[in-house]
Amino acid sequence: MTLKITTINGETFTADNITQLTLLETAGVPCNSLSARFFDKRAVDEIVGVKLYDGDKLIFNGSCDKQTVSFDDDGFEIYIYARSSASVLVDNEALPSTFYNPTAKQLYFNYIEKFGIKNGLPDIACDDKYEVSKGTSCYGALNIFFSLIKGSDIYVTPDNTLKLLEESDDIKRLNDYNILSAFAIINRSEPLSQISFKRDSSENYRVHTTANISNTIGINRQRYLNLTSLPVWQRSYKAVSTLKDAYKTYKQLEITVSGYIPDELYSRFNYSGEIGDYDDYILAEKKYTLGKNGCQTKLVLQKAIDIKEITYVA
């Protein structure tokens, strides 16, 4: 791994004496994060840019949010915390607006292009009203649009391209990696059985979206949503997405492997081991650490659950 630092004065240098480094990527979280400690012979100027390379491949590109400097017999110890370049989209609020029959390209030009991030998204559209409300970030203005229509989040690559998070076509074998530990997790605290919601303010919570899988696994947990503030077409999407999101952490694997794993989020994997056989799990989080115990990557994988949802009016 090569950590390159850029200071406010335009100087770029390589941090050689790294004692600790953590790179975290999580599906659905706009910004990847990187923290690192390294020693230098001088007090480094204010840091603005941070890049991390795996060989020649750029795997992190961001800006420094926090920097501390201390001194001891080994020299100056510098600590940095940085977020990836998506942070500019999170930190800037979108102008509240109402769009009629918008496309993804239109929203990109309105909210993203000015920050120099390239558009690698499919150009989807909706045949209705779409509102960007007060307090929505520039990232949220486009991400909410995609999550409603496509059921998936957007992300920014290290080379500053906006893309849609999509499952890989192929399924790889986790057993091909040097596995240090493996945990299988079942979390029954989050899944819901039913979402009941209002279509307009004059009626009660008469519309129900039910996860039929809840009967099979013995879950009885209901929530009520007042969706009257949303445009009509968004209400059912919101109810279904809330119900599906509740099952994301129902069945998980936590696998720690030696070294850095280059596979992207939403890659699909099979795993077989002493704890059982697990087919078609989706990579939802990667946490790479470099420290006293060498280099390792913790992978959090989730089982995609078909909740067999239906929506009906009582």
Protein backbone atom coordinates (compact mmCIF):
# COMPACT_ATOMS: atom_id res chain seq x y z
CA MET A 1 0.00 0.00 0.00
CA THR A 2 1.18 3.52 -0.83
CA LEU A 3 -0.26 6.52 1.04
CA LYS A 4 0.17 9.84 -0.77
CA ILE A 5 -0.41 13.12 1.03
CA THR A 6 -1.01 16.59 -0.45
CA THR A 7 -0.62 19.69 1.72
CA ILE A 8 -2.34 23.05 1.47
CA ASN A 9 0.83 24.45 -0.16
CA GLY A 10 0.63 21.95 -3.02
CA GLU A 11 3.39 19.65 -1.78
CA THR A 12 2.82 15.92 -2.37
CA PHE A 13 4.76 13.24 -0.52
CA THR A 14 4.55 9.56 0.38
CA ALA A 15 3.95 8.62 4.03
CA ASP A 16 6.61 5.95 4.59
CA ASN A 17 6.53 5.12 8.30
CA ILE A 18 2.89 4.04 8.68
CA THR A 19 2.09 2.43 12.03
CA GLN A 20 -1.68 2.13 11.61
CA LEU A 21 -4.11 2.45 8.72
CA THR A 22 -7.82 1.65 8.35
CA LEU A 23 -9.89 1.89 5.18
CA LEU A 24 -13.64 1.39 5.52
CA GLU A 25 -16.15 0.96 2.69
CA THR A 26 -19.85 0.36 3.45
CA ALA A 27 -22.69 -0.08 0.96
CA GLY A 28 -25.26 2.67 1.32
CA VAL A 29 -22.84 5.00 3.10
CA PRO A 30 -21.84 7.79 0.67
CA CYS A 31 -18.25 8.29 1.85
CA ASN A 32 -15.49 5.76 2.35
CA SER A 33 -13.25 6.68 5.26
CA LEU A 34 -9.52 6.36 5.89
CA SER A 35 -7.57 6.89 9.11
CA ALA A 36 -3.82 6.57 9.46
CA ARG A 37 -0.90 7.21 11.78
CA PHE A 38 2.61 7.73 10.46
CA PHE A 39 5.91 9.25 11.54
CA ASP A 40 7.81 12.03 9.82
CA LYS A 41 10.98 13.98 10.57
CA ARG A 42 9.08 17.27 10.46
CA ALA A 43 5.75 18.71 11.45
CA VAL A 44 3.73 18.29 8.27
CA ASP A 45 1.85 21.29 6.88
CA GLU A 46 -1.95 21.33 6.81
CA ILE A 47 -3.10 18.27 4.85
CA VAL A 48 -5.86 18.64 2.26
CA GLY A 49 -5.63 15.59 -0.05
CA VAL A 50 -5.21 11.89 0.71
CA LYS A 51 -4.80 9.02 -1.78
CA LEU A 52 -4.18 5.33 -1.16
CA TYR A 53 -2.83 2.95 -3.81
CA ASP A 54 -2.78 -0.84 -3.95
CA GLY A 55 0.16 -1.19 -6.30
CA ASP A 56 -0.74 1.09 -9.20
CA LYS A 57 -4.47 1.00 -8.50
CA LEU A 58 -6.05 3.98 -6.76
CA ILE A 59 -8.38 2.62 -4.04
CA PHE A 60 -9.05 5.78 -2.00
CA ASN A 61 -9.22 9.41 -3.05
CA GLY A 62 -10.41 11.99 -0.59
CA SER A 63 -9.83 15.00 1.59
CA CYS A 64 -8.53 15.27 5.13
CA ASP A 65 -11.15 16.16 7.74
CA LYS A 66 -8.93 15.99 10.82
CA GLN A 67 -5.20 16.10 11.46
CA THR A 68 -3.20 15.92 14.68
CA VAL A 69 0.55 16.19 15.22
CA SER A 70 2.53 15.10 18.29
CA PHE A 71 6.25 14.70 19.02
CA ASP A 72 8.36 12.07 20.82
CA ASP A 73 11.81 10.47 20.50
CA ASP A 74 10.80 8.82 17.22
CA GLY A 75 9.92 12.14 15.62
CA PHE A 76 6.61 13.70 14.66
CA GLU A 77 3.60 11.40 14.74
CA ILE A 78 0.83 12.49 12.39
CA TYR A 79 -2.74 11.21 12.59
CA ILE A 80 -5.23 11.85 9.80
CA TYR A 81 -8.90 11.08 9.21
CA ALA A 82 -10.18 11.50 5.67
CA ARG A 83 -13.40 10.95 3.74
CA SER A 84 -13.58 10.04 0.08
CA SER A 85 -14.40 12.59 -2.61
CA ALA A 86 -18.14 11.91 -2.23
CA SER A 87 -17.92 14.10 0.88
CA VAL A 88 -18.33 17.24 -1.23
CA LEU A 89 -21.78 15.97 -2.28
CA VAL A 90 -22.72 15.15 1.32
CA ASP A 91 -21.49 18.44 2.77
CA ASN A 92 -23.33 20.66 0.27
CA GLU A 93 -27.08 21.18 0.57
CA ALA A 94 -29.20 20.84 -2.55
CA LEU A 95 -31.41 23.74 -3.59
CA PRO A 96 -34.98 22.71 -2.68
CA SER A 97 -36.85 22.20 -5.94
CA THR A 98 -39.80 20.43 -7.54
CA PHE A 99 -39.14 18.57 -10.78
CA TYR A 100 -41.80 17.36 -13.19
CA ASN A 101 -40.97 14.19 -15.15
CA PRO A 102 -37.25 14.44 -14.29
CA THR A 103 -34.43 12.26 -15.55
CA ALA A 104 -31.30 11.21 -13.68
CA LYS A 105 -29.24 13.24 -16.13
CA GLN A 106 -31.25 16.38 -15.32
CA LEU A 107 -30.70 15.91 -11.58
CA TYR A 108 -26.99 15.26 -12.19
CA PHE A 109 -26.61 18.53 -14.12
CA ASN A 110 -28.49 20.44 -11.41
CA TYR A 111 -26.70 19.08 -8.36
CA ILE A 112 -23.51 17.12 -9.16
CA GLU A 113 -21.72 18.33 -12.31
CA LYS A 114 -20.43 21.56 -10.74
CA PHE A 115 -18.28 19.54 -8.32
CA GLY A 116 -16.29 17.91 -11.14
CA ILE A 117 -17.59 14.40 -10.55
CA LYS A 118 -18.25 12.47 -13.78
CA ASN A 119 -21.59 10.84 -14.57
CA GLY A 120 -21.48 7.05 -14.98
CA LEU A 121 -25.12 6.43 -14.05
CA PRO A 122 -27.89 4.97 -16.23
CA ASP A 123 -30.32 7.67 -17.33
CA ILE A 124 -33.57 6.66 -15.68
CA ALA A 125 -36.71 8.81 -15.50
CA CYS A 126 -40.01 9.11 -13.67
CA ASP A 127 -43.34 10.22 -15.16
CA ASP A 128 -44.43 12.24 -12.16
CA LYS A 129 -43.38 14.93 -9.71
CA TYR A 130 -40.12 14.57 -7.76
CA GLU A 131 -39.37 16.88 -4.86
CA VAL A 132 -35.98 17.72 -3.39
CA SER A 133 -36.88 18.96 0.08
CA LYS A 134 -35.09 21.46 2.34
CA GLY A 135 -32.11 19.88 4.11
CA THR A 136 -31.39 17.29 1.40
CA SER A 137 -27.74 17.01 0.40
CA CYS A 138 -26.61 17.08 -3.22
CA TYR A 139 -25.83 13.38 -2.84
CA GLY A 140 -29.29 12.71 -1.42
CA ALA A 141 -31.03 14.59 -4.22
CA LEU A 142 -29.87 11.96 -6.70
CA ASN A 143 -29.52 8.95 -4.39
CA ILE A 144 -33.14 9.12 -3.18
CA PHE A 145 -34.26 9.22 -6.82
CA PHE A 146 -32.30 6.05 -7.64
CA SER A 147 -33.21 4.22 -4.46
CA LEU A 148 -36.91 4.79 -5.12
CA ILE A 149 -36.84 3.72 -8.77
CA LYS A 150 -34.00 1.19 -8.89
CA GLY A 151 -33.88 0.08 -5.26
CA SER A 152 -30.15 0.69 -5.06
CA ASP A 153 -27.73 3.39 -3.93
CA ILE A 154 -25.23 5.45 -5.88
CA TYR A 155 -21.55 5.88 -5.03
CA VAL A 156 -18.47 7.76 -6.17
CA THR A 157 -15.46 5.76 -7.40
CA PRO A 158 -11.86 6.73 -6.49
CA ASP A 159 -11.50 8.26 -9.98
CA ASN A 160 -14.47 10.57 -9.25
CA THR A 161 -17.16 8.83 -11.29
CA LEU A 162 -20.73 8.49 -10.05
CA LYS A 163 -22.04 4.92 -10.41
CA LEU A 164 -24.94 2.73 -9.33
CA LEU A 165 -24.28 0.03 -6.76
CA GLU A 166 -25.19 -3.23 -8.53
CA GLU A 167 -24.71 -6.90 -7.72
CA SER A 168 -22.00 -8.69 -9.70
CA ASP A 169 -23.05 -11.21 -12.35
CA ASP A 170 -20.59 -13.87 -11.25
CA ILE A 171 -20.31 -15.58 -7.86
CA LYS A 172 -16.82 -16.04 -6.41
CA ARG A 173 -15.50 -18.40 -3.73
CA LEU A 174 -14.42 -16.90 -0.42
CA ASN A 175 -12.52 -20.11 0.23
CA ASP A 176 -9.98 -19.04 -2.39
CA TYR A 177 -8.72 -16.43 0.10
CA ASN A 178 -6.61 -16.98 3.21
CA ILE A 179 -9.39 -16.96 5.81
CA LEU A 180 -8.41 -16.05 9.38
CA SER A 181 -11.86 -16.22 11.00
CA ALA A 182 -15.50 -16.76 10.02
CA PHE A 183 -18.75 -15.96 11.82
CA ALA A 184 -22.33 -16.67 10.73
CA ILE A 185 -24.88 -14.23 12.17
CA ILE A 186 -28.67 -14.36 12.37
CA ASN A 187 -30.23 -11.08 13.52
CA ARG A 188 -33.95 -11.38 14.22
CA SER A 189 -34.26 -7.95 15.86
CA GLU A 190 -34.68 -5.93 12.64
CA PRO A 191 -37.05 -7.75 10.21
CA LEU A 192 -40.61 -6.42 9.97
CA SER A 193 -43.76 -8.29 9.07
CA GLN A 194 -45.85 -5.35 7.83
CA ILE A 195 -45.79 -1.65 6.96
CA SER A 196 -49.12 0.18 7.15
CA PHE A 197 -49.29 3.64 5.62
CA LYS A 198 -51.54 6.55 4.73
CA ARG A 199 -52.08 7.49 1.11
CA ASP A 200 -53.66 10.83 2.05
CA SER A 201 -54.48 12.75 5.20
CA SER A 202 -58.22 12.03 5.03
CA GLU A 203 -57.86 8.28 5.57
CA ASN A 204 -56.42 6.02 8.22
CA TYR A 205 -53.48 3.63 7.77
CA ARG A 206 -55.48 1.51 5.33
CA VAL A 207 -52.74 0.44 2.91
CA HIS A 208 -50.62 -2.50 4.02
CA THR A 209 -47.39 -3.89 2.59
CA THR A 210 -46.71 -7.32 4.04
CA ALA A 211 -43.60 -9.51 3.96
CA ASN A 212 -44.98 -13.01 3.54
CA ILE A 213 -41.64 -14.49 4.56
CA SER A 214 -42.36 -13.23 8.08
CA ASN A 215 -44.91 -16.02 8.52
CA THR A 216 -42.30 -18.62 7.62
CA ILE A 217 -39.66 -17.33 10.06
CA GLY A 218 -42.09 -16.37 12.82
CA ILE A 219 -41.66 -12.57 12.83
CA ASN A 220 -44.57 -10.38 13.97
CA ARG A 221 -43.48 -6.74 13.95
CA GLN A 222 -45.51 -3.89 12.43
CA ARG A 223 -44.72 -0.27 11.66
CA TYR A 224 -46.89 2.71 10.62
CA LEU A 225 -45.74 5.34 8.13
CA ASN A 226 -47.41 8.61 7.30
CA LEU A 227 -46.43 9.07 3.66
CA THR A 228 -48.95 11.75 2.72
CA SER A 229 -46.21 14.34 2.19
CA LEU A 230 -44.68 12.27 -0.60
CA PRO A 231 -45.90 12.33 -4.21
CA VAL A 232 -48.35 9.49 -4.92
CA TRP A 233 -45.90 7.38 -6.95
CA GLN A 234 -43.29 7.44 -4.15
CA ARG A 235 -45.52 6.10 -1.38
CA SER A 236 -45.59 2.42 -2.34
CA TYR A 237 -41.88 2.54 -3.25
CA LYS A 238 -41.10 3.94 0.20
CA ALA A 239 -43.13 1.29 2.01
CA VAL A 240 -41.59 -1.59 0.06
CA SER A 241 -38.03 -0.27 0.42
CA THR A 242 -38.48 0.20 4.18
CA LEU A 243 -39.70 -3.38 4.48
CA LYS A 244 -36.85 -4.78 2.36
CA ASP A 245 -34.21 -2.76 4.20
CA ALA A 246 -35.33 -4.37 7.48
CA TYR A 247 -34.11 -7.75 6.17
CA LYS A 248 -30.66 -6.65 5.01
CA THR A 249 -28.93 -7.68 8.25
CA TYR A 250 -31.12 -10.73 8.93
CA LYS A 251 -28.51 -13.24 7.71
CA GLN A 252 -24.86 -12.20 7.56
CA LEU A 253 -21.33 -13.54 7.34
CA GLU A 254 -18.30 -11.83 8.87
CA ILE A 255 -15.14 -13.18 7.26
CA THR A 256 -11.65 -11.90 8.05
CA VAL A 257 -8.99 -12.66 5.46
CA SER A 258 -5.27 -12.00 5.26
CA GLY A 259 -4.14 -9.03 3.19
CA TYR A 260 -6.19 -6.61 1.08
CA ILE A 261 -9.12 -7.89 -0.97
CA PRO A 262 -9.74 -5.90 -4.18
CA ASP A 263 -13.31 -7.12 -4.79
CA GLU A 264 -15.84 -4.30 -4.99
CA LEU A 265 -18.91 -3.88 -2.81
CA TYR A 266 -21.92 -5.91 -3.96
CA SER A 267 -19.68 -8.68 -5.27
CA ARG A 268 -21.36 -12.05 -4.71
CA PHE A 269 -19.69 -14.93 -2.87
CA ASN A 270 -20.16 -18.53 -1.74
CA TYR A 271 -18.51 -19.86 1.40
CA SER A 272 -18.11 -23.35 2.88
CA GLY A 273 -16.53 -24.13 6.22
CA GLU A 274 -16.96 -25.64 9.64
CA ILE A 275 -19.84 -23.24 10.36
CA GLY A 276 -21.76 -24.44 7.29
CA ASP A 277 -22.34 -23.78 3.60
CA TYR A 278 -23.49 -20.32 2.50
CA ASP A 279 -24.50 -19.57 -1.08
CA ASP A 280 -24.81 -16.22 -2.83
CA TYR A 281 -23.99 -13.68 -0.13
CA ILE A 282 -23.42 -10.03 -1.11
CA LEU A 283 -20.39 -8.04 0.04
CA ALA A 284 -21.82 -5.08 2.00
CA GLU A 285 -18.75 -3.83 3.88
CA LYS A 286 -14.95 -3.99 3.70
CA LYS A 287 -12.64 -2.92 6.50
CA TYR A 288 -8.95 -3.09 5.66
CA THR A 289 -6.50 -2.62 8.53
CA LEU A 290 -2.74 -2.37 8.66
CA GLY A 291 -1.14 -2.52 12.09
CA LYS A 292 0.80 -4.64 14.58
CA ASN A 293 -0.77 -7.85 13.32
CA GLY A 294 0.01 -7.15 9.68
CA CYS A 295 -2.61 -6.57 6.99
CA GLN A 296 -6.09 -8.02 6.99
CA THR A 297 -9.56 -7.30 5.62
CA LYS A 298 -12.84 -7.88 7.42
CA LEU A 299 -15.68 -8.65 5.01
CA VAL A 300 -19.33 -8.29 6.01
CA LEU A 301 -21.64 -10.15 3.65
CA GLN A 302 -25.44 -10.19 3.59
CA LYS A 303 -27.91 -12.70 2.24
CA ALA A 304 -30.38 -11.17 -0.21
CA ILE A 305 -33.80 -12.16 1.12
CA ASP A 306 -36.86 -12.51 -1.10
CA ILE A 307 -39.46 -11.16 1.34
CA LYS A 308 -42.37 -12.03 -1.01
CA GLU A 309 -44.07 -8.71 -0.37
CA ILE A 310 -47.66 -7.87 -1.28
CA THR A 311 -49.53 -4.56 -0.98
CA TYR A 312 -53.26 -4.34 -0.40
CA VAL A 313 -55.94 -1.98 0.91
CA ALA A 314 -57.85 -3.05 4.01
